[in-house]
PDB file of N, CA and C in Angstrom:
ATOM      1  N   MET A   1      34.851  10.885  27.615  1.00  0.00           N
ATOM      2  CA  MET A   1      35.066  10.454  29.025  1.00  0.00           C
ATOM      3  C   MET A   1      36.514  10.227  29.309  1.00  0.00           C
ATOM      4  N   ASN A   2      36.900  10.484  30.536  1.00  0.00           N
ATOM      5  CA  ASN A   2      38.274  10.269  30.927  1.00  0.00           C
ATOM      6  C   ASN A   2      38.358   9.116  31.913  1.00  0.00           C
ATOM      7  N   HIS A   3      38.443   7.941  31.384  1.00  0.00           N
ATOM      8  CA  HIS A   3      38.646   6.734  32.239  1.00  0.00           C
ATOM      9  C   HIS A   3      40.115   6.712  32.659  1.00  0.00           C
ATOM     10  N   LYS A   4      40.407   5.952  33.731  1.00  0.00           N
ATOM     11  CA  LYS A   4      41.777   5.767  34.144  1.00  0.00           C
ATOM     12  C   LYS A   4      41.905   4.327  34.675  1.00  0.00           C
ATOM     13  N   PHE A   5      42.711   3.555  33.938  1.00  0.00           N
ATOM     14  CA  PHE A   5      42.959   2.169  34.333  1.00  0.00           C
ATOM     15  C   PHE A   5      44.458   2.001  34.452  1.00  0.00           C
ATOM     16  N   THR A   6      44.912   1.582  35.590  1.00  0.00           N
ATOM     17  CA  THR A   6      46.332   1.399  35.810  1.00  0.00           C
ATOM     18  C   THR A   6      46.619  -0.102  36.132  1.00  0.00           C
ATOM     19  N   ILE A   7      47.612  -0.633  35.462  1.00  0.00           N
ATOM     20  CA  ILE A   7      47.979  -2.000  35.712  1.00  0.00           C
ATOM     21  C   ILE A   7      49.494  -2.057  35.970  1.00  0.00           C
ATOM     22  N   LEU A   8      49.873  -3.149  36.637  1.00  0.00           N
ATOM     23  CA  LEU A   8      51.294  -3.440  36.823  1.00  0.00           C
ATOM     24  C   LEU A   8      51.689  -4.533  35.802  1.00  0.00           C
ATOM     25  N   GLN A   9      52.675  -4.218  34.971  1.00  0.00           N
ATOM     26  CA  GLN A   9      53.123  -5.173  33.983  1.00  0.00           C
ATOM     27  C   GLN A   9      54.632  -5.223  33.994  1.00  0.00           C
ATOM     28  N   ASP A  10      55.179  -6.383  34.374  1.00  0.00           N
ATOM     29  CA  ASP A  10      56.632  -6.575  34.450  1.00  0.00           C
ATOM     30  C   ASP A  10      57.305  -5.462  35.322  1.00  0.00           C
ATOM     31  N   GLY A  11      56.666  -5.192  36.445  1.00  0.00           N
ATOM     32  CA  GLY A  11      57.295  -4.254  37.384  1.00  0.00           C
ATOM     33  C   GLY A  11      57.074  -2.772  37.027  1.00  0.00           C
ATOM     34  N   VAL A  12      56.350  -2.487  35.967  1.00  0.00           N
ATOM     35  CA  VAL A  12      56.085  -1.123  35.533  1.00  0.00           C
ATOM     36  C   VAL A  12      54.627  -0.798  35.598  1.00  0.00           C
ATOM     37  N   LEU A  13      54.311   0.367  36.154  1.00  0.00           N
ATOM     38  CA  LEU A  13      52.898   0.788  36.139  1.00  0.00           C
ATOM     39  C   LEU A  13      52.545   1.433  34.831  1.00  0.00           C
ATOM     40  N   LYS A  14      51.452   0.991  34.219  1.00  0.00           N
ATOM     41  CA  LYS A  14      51.040   1.523  32.967  1.00  0.00           C
ATOM     42  C   LYS A  14      49.612   1.975  33.121  1.00  0.00           C
ATOM     43  N   THR A  15      49.327   3.191  32.604  1.00  0.00           N
ATOM     44  CA  THR A  15      47.956   3.720  32.673  1.00  0.00           C
ATOM     45  C   THR A  15      47.367   3.863  31.320  1.00  0.00           C
ATOM     46  N   TYR A  16      46.038   3.505  31.238  1.00  0.00           N
ATOM     47  CA  TYR A  16      45.291   3.540  29.967  1.00  0.00           C
ATOM     48  C   TYR A  16      44.054   4.353  30.195  1.00  0.00           C
ATOM     49  N   THR A  17      43.605   4.979  29.150  1.00  0.00           N
ATOM     50  CA  THR A  17      42.318   5.747  29.203  1.00  0.00           C
ATOM     51  C   THR A  17      41.227   5.015  28.427  1.00  0.00           C
ATOM     52  N   LYS A  18      41.622   4.019  27.668  1.00  0.00           N
ATOM     53  CA  LYS A  18      40.634   3.211  26.921  1.00  0.00           C
ATOM     54  C   LYS A  18      40.729   1.755  27.409  1.00  0.00           C
ATOM     55  N   TYR A  19      39.636   1.203  27.832  1.00  0.00           N
ATOM     56  CA  TYR A  19      39.612  -0.213  28.287  1.00  0.00           C
ATOM     57  C   TYR A  19      40.211  -1.129  27.261  1.00  0.00           C
ATOM     58  N   GLU A  20      39.822  -0.887  26.011  1.00  0.00           N
ATOM     59  CA  GLU A  20      40.246  -1.732  24.915  1.00  0.00           C
ATOM     60  C   GLU A  20      41.726  -1.817  24.699  1.00  0.00           C
ATOM     61  N   ASP A  21      42.476  -0.816  25.215  1.00  0.00           N
ATOM     62  CA  ASP A  21      43.952  -0.799  25.036  1.00  0.00           C
ATOM     63  C   ASP A  21      44.689  -1.624  26.091  1.00  0.00           C
ATOM     64  N   ILE A  22      44.010  -2.108  27.090  1.00  0.00           N
ATOM     65  CA  ILE A  22      44.641  -2.876  28.182  1.00  0.00           C
ATOM     66  C   ILE A  22      45.049  -4.188  27.594  1.00  0.00           C
ATOM     67  N   PRO A  23      46.315  -4.592  27.857  1.00  0.00           N
ATOM     68  CA  PRO A  23      46.839  -5.922  27.280  1.00  0.00           C
ATOM     69  C   PRO A  23      46.037  -7.118  27.805  1.00  0.00           C
ATOM     70  N   GLU A  24      46.143  -8.202  27.058  1.00  0.00           N
ATOM     71  CA  GLU A  24      45.451  -9.415  27.436  1.00  0.00           C
ATOM     72  C   GLU A  24      45.977 -10.048  28.711  1.00  0.00           C
ATOM     73  N   SER A  25      47.233  -9.803  28.980  1.00  0.00           N
ATOM     74  CA  SER A  25      47.851 -10.382  30.157  1.00  0.00           C
ATOM     75  C   SER A  25      48.768  -9.333  30.834  1.00  0.00           C
ATOM     76  N   PHE A  26      48.692  -9.360  32.184  1.00  0.00           N
ATOM     77  CA  PHE A  26      49.491  -8.381  32.987  1.00  0.00           C
ATOM     78  C   PHE A  26      49.562  -8.959  34.381  1.00  0.00           C
ATOM     79  N   ASP A  27      50.361  -8.265  35.216  1.00  0.00           N
ATOM     80  CA  ASP A  27      50.543  -8.785  36.597  1.00  0.00           C
ATOM     81  C   ASP A  27      49.326  -8.465  37.528  1.00  0.00           C
ATOM     82  N   ASN A  28      48.965  -7.243  37.672  1.00  0.00           N
ATOM     83  CA  ASN A  28      47.907  -6.833  38.579  1.00  0.00           C
ATOM     84  C   ASN A  28      47.114  -5.629  38.098  1.00  0.00           C
ATOM     85  N   VAL A  29      45.827  -5.550  38.440  1.00  0.00           N
ATOM     86  CA  VAL A  29      45.061  -4.327  38.250  1.00  0.00           C
ATOM     87  C   VAL A  29      45.394  -3.504  39.492  1.00  0.00           C
ATOM     88  N   ILE A  30      45.770  -2.280  39.260  1.00  0.00           N
ATOM     89  CA  ILE A  30      46.144  -1.347  40.352  1.00  0.00           C
ATOM     90  C   ILE A  30      45.047  -0.359  40.564  1.00  0.00           C
ATOM     91  N   GLN A  31      44.473   0.188  39.475  1.00  0.00           N
ATOM     92  CA  GLN A  31      43.441   1.207  39.588  1.00  0.00           C
ATOM     93  C   GLN A  31      42.412   1.023  38.498  1.00  0.00           C
ATOM     94  N   PHE A  32      41.153   1.065  38.861  1.00  0.00           N
ATOM     95  CA  PHE A  32      40.062   0.922  37.875  1.00  0.00           C
ATOM     96  C   PHE A  32      39.084   2.008  38.106  1.00  0.00           C
ATOM     97  N   LEU A  33      39.176   3.075  37.328  1.00  0.00           N
ATOM     98  CA  LEU A  33      38.351   4.241  37.510  1.00  0.00           C
ATOM     99  C   LEU A  33      37.640   4.640  36.222  1.00  0.00           C
ATOM    100  N   PRO A  34      36.554   3.977  35.934  1.00  0.00           N
ATOM    101  CA  PRO A  34      35.801   4.442  34.742  1.00  0.00           C
ATOM    102  C   PRO A  34      35.063   5.713  35.095  1.00  0.00           C
ATOM    103  N   GLU A  35      34.960   6.585  34.157  1.00  0.00           N
ATOM    104  CA  GLU A  35      34.279   7.851  34.412  1.00  0.00           C
ATOM    105  C   GLU A  35      32.755   7.566  34.328  1.00  0.00           C
ATOM    106  N   ILE A  36      32.037   7.934  35.373  1.00  0.00           N
ATOM    107  CA  ILE A  36      30.603   7.773  35.423  1.00  0.00           C
ATOM    108  C   ILE A  36      29.992   9.158  35.327  1.00  0.00           C
ATOM    109  N   PRO A  37      29.161   9.422  34.308  1.00  0.00           N
ATOM    110  CA  PRO A  37      28.585  10.766  34.188  1.00  0.00           C
ATOM    111  C   PRO A  37      27.653  11.051  35.339  1.00  0.00           C
ATOM    112  N   GLU A  38      27.498  12.308  35.628  1.00  0.00           N
ATOM    113  CA  GLU A  38      26.614  12.737  36.729  1.00  0.00           C
ATOM    114  C   GLU A  38      25.184  12.399  36.292  1.00  0.00           C
ATOM    115  N   GLY A  39      24.372  12.051  37.255  1.00  0.00           N
ATOM    116  CA  GLY A  39      22.931  11.775  37.005  1.00  0.00           C
ATOM    117  C   GLY A  39      22.141  13.045  36.905  1.00  0.00           C
ATOM    118  N   PRO A  40      20.861  12.926  36.546  1.00  0.00           N
ATOM    119  CA  PRO A  40      20.179  11.650  36.316  1.00  0.00           C
ATOM    120  C   PRO A  40      20.707  10.998  34.988  1.00  0.00           C
ATOM    121  N   HIS A  41      20.669   9.682  34.927  1.00  0.00           N
ATOM    122  CA  HIS A  41      21.153   8.963  33.781  1.00  0.00           C
ATOM    123  C   HIS A  41      20.015   8.469  32.862  1.00  0.00           C
ATOM    124  N   THR A  42      20.372   8.429  31.577  1.00  0.00           N
ATOM    125  CA  THR A  42      19.420   7.899  30.579  1.00  0.00           C
ATOM    126  C   THR A  42      19.470   6.348  30.696  1.00  0.00           C
ATOM    127  N   GLY A  43      18.551   5.666  30.039  1.00  0.00           N
ATOM    128  CA  GLY A  43      18.622   4.254  30.015  1.00  0.00           C
ATOM    129  C   GLY A  43      19.891   3.744  29.370  1.00  0.00           C
ATOM    130  N   ASP A  44      20.360   4.420  28.311  1.00  0.00           N
ATOM    131  CA  ASP A  44      21.610   3.992  27.678  1.00  0.00           C
ATOM    132  C   ASP A  44      22.776   4.143  28.618  1.00  0.00           C
ATOM    133  N   GLU A  45      22.787   5.271  29.383  1.00  0.00           N
ATOM    134  CA  GLU A  45      23.910   5.454  30.342  1.00  0.00           C
ATOM    135  C   GLU A  45      23.908   4.381  31.423  1.00  0.00           C
ATOM    136  N   HIS A  46      22.692   3.978  31.871  1.00  0.00           N
ATOM    137  CA  HIS A  46      22.622   2.926  32.823  1.00  0.00           C
ATOM    138  C   HIS A  46      23.128   1.604  32.315  1.00  0.00           C
ATOM    139  N   ASP A  47      22.877   1.325  31.032  1.00  0.00           N
ATOM    140  CA  ASP A  47      23.417   0.110  30.400  1.00  0.00           C
ATOM    141  C   ASP A  47      24.907   0.126  30.386  1.00  0.00           C
ATOM    142  N   ILE A  48      25.516   1.241  30.080  1.00  0.00           N
ATOM    143  CA  ILE A  48      26.974   1.364  30.052  1.00  0.00           C
ATOM    144  C   ILE A  48      27.552   1.229  31.445  1.00  0.00           C
ATOM    145  N   ILE A  49      26.966   1.904  32.399  1.00  0.00           N
ATOM    146  CA  ILE A  49      27.446   1.881  33.793  1.00  0.00           C
ATOM    147  C   ILE A  49      27.361   0.426  34.359  1.00  0.00           C
ATOM    148  N   ASP A  50      26.271  -0.287  34.016  1.00  0.00           N
ATOM    149  CA  ASP A  50      26.116  -1.628  34.500  1.00  0.00           C
ATOM    150  C   ASP A  50      27.195  -2.556  33.966  1.00  0.00           C
ATOM    151  N   GLN A  51      27.853  -2.286  32.861  1.00  0.00           N
ATOM    152  CA  GLN A  51      28.856  -3.125  32.273  1.00  0.00           C
ATOM    153  C   GLN A  51      30.179  -3.046  32.973  1.00  0.00           C
ATOM    154  N   TRP A  52      30.464  -1.950  33.726  1.00  0.00           N
ATOM    155  CA  TRP A  52      31.790  -1.771  34.293  1.00  0.00           C
ATOM    156  C   TRP A  52      32.134  -2.844  35.330  1.00  0.00           C
ATOM    157  N   ASN A  53      31.233  -3.336  36.098  1.00  0.00           N
ATOM    158  CA  ASN A  53      31.547  -4.362  37.090  1.00  0.00           C
ATOM    159  C   ASN A  53      32.015  -5.617  36.366  1.00  0.00           C
ATOM    160  N   ASP A  54      31.336  -6.031  35.285  1.00  0.00           N
ATOM    161  CA  ASP A  54      31.758  -7.178  34.495  1.00  0.00           C
ATOM    162  C   ASP A  54      33.140  -6.953  33.877  1.00  0.00           C
ATOM    163  N   LYS A  55      33.388  -5.755  33.422  1.00  0.00           N
ATOM    164  CA  LYS A  55      34.725  -5.510  32.814  1.00  0.00           C
ATOM    165  C   LYS A  55      35.824  -5.555  33.879  1.00  0.00           C
ATOM    166  N   LEU A  56      35.559  -5.132  35.121  1.00  0.00           N
ATOM    167  CA  LEU A  56      36.558  -5.263  36.128  1.00  0.00           C
ATOM    168  C   LEU A  56      36.819  -6.740  36.456  1.00  0.00           C
ATOM    169  N   LYS A  57      35.784  -7.514  36.540  1.00  0.00           N
ATOM    170  CA  LYS A  57      35.930  -8.998  36.785  1.00  0.00           C
ATOM    171  C   LYS A  57      36.739  -9.610  35.624  1.00  0.00           C
ATOM    172  N   GLU A  58      36.496  -9.204  34.416  1.00  0.00           N
ATOM    173  CA  GLU A  58      37.234  -9.757  33.287  1.00  0.00           C
ATOM    174  C   GLU A  58      38.726  -9.413  33.388  1.00  0.00           C
ATOM    175  N   LEU A  59      39.047  -8.164  33.763  1.00  0.00           N
ATOM    176  CA  LEU A  59      40.446  -7.774  33.986  1.00  0.00           C
ATOM    177  C   LEU A  59      41.087  -8.609  35.061  1.00  0.00           C
ATOM    178  N   MET A  60      40.388  -8.876  36.141  1.00  0.00           N
ATOM    179  CA  MET A  60      40.963  -9.685  37.230  1.00  0.00           C
ATOM    180  C   MET A  60      41.247 -11.073  36.757  1.00  0.00           C
ATOM    181  N   LYS A  61      40.471 -11.636  35.830  1.00  0.00           N
ATOM    182  CA  LYS A  61      40.745 -12.959  35.302  1.00  0.00           C
ATOM    183  C   LYS A  61      42.002 -12.957  34.461  1.00  0.00           C
ATOM    184  N   ARG A  62      42.320 -11.781  33.835  1.00  0.00           N
ATOM    185  CA  ARG A  62      43.465 -11.701  32.962  1.00  0.00           C
ATOM    186  C   ARG A  62      44.782 -11.495  33.700  1.00  0.00           C
ATOM    187  N   GLU A  63      44.721 -11.231  35.026  1.00  0.00           N
ATOM    188  CA  GLU A  63      45.942 -11.106  35.822  1.00  0.00           C
ATOM    189  C   GLU A  63      46.736 -12.397  35.845  1.00  0.00           C
ATOM    190  N   LYS A  64      48.030 -12.281  35.802  1.00  0.00           N
ATOM    191  CA  LYS A  64      48.898 -13.448  35.938  1.00  0.00           C
ATOM    192  C   LYS A  64      48.828 -13.885  37.371  1.00  0.00           C
ATOM    193  N   LYS A  65      48.801 -15.108  37.563  1.00  0.00           N
ATOM    194  CA  LYS A  65      48.757 -15.636  38.927  1.00  0.00           C
ATOM    195  C   LYS A  65      50.079 -16.096  39.402  1.00  0.00           C
TER     196      LYS A  65
END
């Protein structure tokens, strides 16, 4: 899958393709584009898709205020 996550860190835009590579602290989430496979989806794919909203919320908590 080709995910695209862009953050702003110390005035620099940084893009990641793996969620796990995103640093624990950064300035802002700029782009959150997980790749969602075309349907119909299997039960396992639905479980993965359902997790993305929680992962975005987690990233937003990690933003520096």
